[in-house]
Amino acid sequence: MNVSILQMAAFFLFFGVSFYAFSCVKFEKFCKTNNVQQIYILLFILSLVSAYLCTQAFLMLTVYNGLGR
């Protein structure tokens, strides 16, 4: 399987899981703003960063070390 296809699939999978996991956190209590759009942007950015890090860790442990053959 092509690594770039696997990388994109893993990223979208981890993004969905990260977004689902971060959505249970009450960011209104941590943020000093009442603007819901800013909180959603924070949630989106945290999910992107988490998905990227999880994807890189997953690929580093499997595909990049030759375990995906």
C-alpha atoms as a PDB file:
ATOM      1  CA  MET A   1       0.000   0.000   0.000  1.00  0.00           C
ATOM      2  CA  ASN A   2       1.234   3.440  -0.818  1.00  0.00           C
ATOM      3  CA  VAL A   3       2.543   5.265   2.253  1.00  0.00           C
ATOM      4  CA  SER A   4       0.902   8.593   1.363  1.00  0.00           C
ATOM      5  CA  ILE A   5      -2.548   6.981   1.124  1.00  0.00           C
ATOM      6  CA  LEU A   6      -1.986   5.253   4.457  1.00  0.00           C
ATOM      7  CA  GLN A   7      -0.737   8.509   5.957  1.00  0.00           C
ATOM      8  CA  MET A   8      -3.826  10.445   4.837  1.00  0.00           C
ATOM      9  CA  ALA A   9      -6.193   7.694   5.996  1.00  0.00           C
ATOM     10  CA  ALA A  10      -4.485   7.528   9.389  1.00  0.00           C
ATOM     11  CA  PHE A  11      -4.572  11.320   9.697  1.00  0.00           C
ATOM     12  CA  PHE A  12      -8.309  11.533   9.030  1.00  0.00           C
ATOM     13  CA  LEU A  13      -8.983   8.647  11.383  1.00  0.00           C
ATOM     14  CA  PHE A  14      -6.944  10.231  14.170  1.00  0.00           C
ATOM     15  CA  PHE A  15      -8.505  13.634  13.462  1.00  0.00           C
ATOM     16  CA  GLY A  16     -11.969  12.209  13.966  1.00  0.00           C
ATOM     17  CA  VAL A  17     -10.948  10.437  17.158  1.00  0.00           C
ATOM     18  CA  SER A  18      -9.166  13.548  18.463  1.00  0.00           C
ATOM     19  CA  PHE A  19     -12.102  15.807  17.667  1.00  0.00           C
ATOM     20  CA  TYR A  20     -14.453  13.390  19.405  1.00  0.00           C
ATOM     21  CA  ALA A  21     -12.171  13.148  22.433  1.00  0.00           C
ATOM     22  CA  PHE A  22     -11.579  16.900  22.750  1.00  0.00           C
ATOM     23  CA  SER A  23     -15.281  17.675  22.339  1.00  0.00           C
ATOM     24  CA  CYS A  24     -15.992  16.342  25.825  1.00  0.00           C
ATOM     25  CA  VAL A  25     -13.655  18.927  27.406  1.00  0.00           C
ATOM     26  CA  LYS A  26     -15.470  22.044  28.630  1.00  0.00           C
ATOM     27  CA  PHE A  27     -13.238  24.721  27.100  1.00  0.00           C
ATOM     28  CA  GLU A  28     -15.628  27.441  28.301  1.00  0.00           C
ATOM     29  CA  LYS A  29     -14.254  26.956  31.805  1.00  0.00           C
ATOM     30  CA  PHE A  30     -10.642  27.373  30.666  1.00  0.00           C
ATOM     31  CA  CYS A  31     -11.145  30.220  28.221  1.00  0.00           C
ATOM     32  CA  LYS A  32     -11.956  33.736  29.327  1.00  0.00           C
ATOM     33  CA  THR A  33     -14.088  34.380  26.254  1.00  0.00           C
ATOM     34  CA  ASN A  34     -17.766  33.826  25.670  1.00  0.00           C
ATOM     35  CA  ASN A  35     -17.258  33.687  21.910  1.00  0.00           C
ATOM     36  CA  VAL A  36     -18.207  30.179  20.838  1.00  0.00           C
ATOM     37  CA  GLN A  37     -16.437  30.530  17.468  1.00  0.00           C
ATOM     38  CA  GLN A  38     -13.068  31.031  19.141  1.00  0.00           C
ATOM     39  CA  ILE A  39     -13.609  27.943  21.274  1.00  0.00           C
ATOM     40  CA  TYR A  40     -14.481  25.877  18.189  1.00  0.00           C
ATOM     41  CA  ILE A  41     -11.363  27.140  16.426  1.00  0.00           C
ATOM     42  CA  LEU A  42      -9.298  26.116  19.455  1.00  0.00           C
ATOM     43  CA  LEU A  43     -10.961  22.697  19.402  1.00  0.00           C
ATOM     44  CA  PHE A  44     -10.235  22.346  15.680  1.00  0.00           C
ATOM     45  CA  ILE A  45      -6.569  23.358  16.008  1.00  0.00           C
ATOM     46  CA  LEU A  46      -6.002  21.059  18.992  1.00  0.00           C
ATOM     47  CA  SER A  47      -7.564  18.209  17.025  1.00  0.00           C
ATOM     48  CA  LEU A  48      -5.336  18.913  14.016  1.00  0.00           C
ATOM     49  CA  VAL A  49      -2.183  18.960  16.137  1.00  0.00           C
ATOM     50  CA  SER A  50      -3.164  15.821  18.003  1.00  0.00           C
ATOM     51  CA  ALA A  51      -4.037  14.006  14.773  1.00  0.00           C
ATOM     52  CA  TYR A  52      -0.697  14.974  13.216  1.00  0.00           C
ATOM     53  CA  LEU A  53       1.277  13.775  16.235  1.00  0.00           C
ATOM     54  CA  CYS A  54      -0.672  10.510  16.468  1.00  0.00           C
ATOM     55  CA  THR A  55      -0.238   9.879  12.740  1.00  0.00           C
ATOM     56  CA  GLN A  56       3.503  10.458  12.919  1.00  0.00           C
ATOM     57  CA  ALA A  57       3.822   8.197  15.959  1.00  0.00           C
ATOM     58  CA  PHE A  58       1.750   5.477  14.292  1.00  0.00           C
ATOM     59  CA  LEU A  59       3.768   5.602  11.076  1.00  0.00           C
ATOM     60  CA  MET A  60       7.075   5.787  12.946  1.00  0.00           C
ATOM     61  CA  LEU A  61       6.236   2.670  14.937  1.00  0.00           C
ATOM     62  CA  THR A  62       4.933   0.652  11.974  1.00  0.00           C
ATOM     63  CA  VAL A  63       5.573   1.671   8.385  1.00  0.00           C
ATOM     64  CA  TYR A  64       8.781   3.672   8.681  1.00  0.00           C
ATOM     65  CA  ASN A  65      10.454   0.839  10.618  1.00  0.00           C
ATOM     66  CA  GLY A  66       9.566  -1.763   8.020  1.00  0.00           C
ATOM     67  CA  LEU A  67       6.760  -3.433   9.954  1.00  0.00           C
ATOM     68  CA  GLY A  68       4.138  -2.562   7.347  1.00  0.00           C
ATOM     69  CA  ARG A  69       5.429  -4.968   4.672  1.00  0.00           C
END
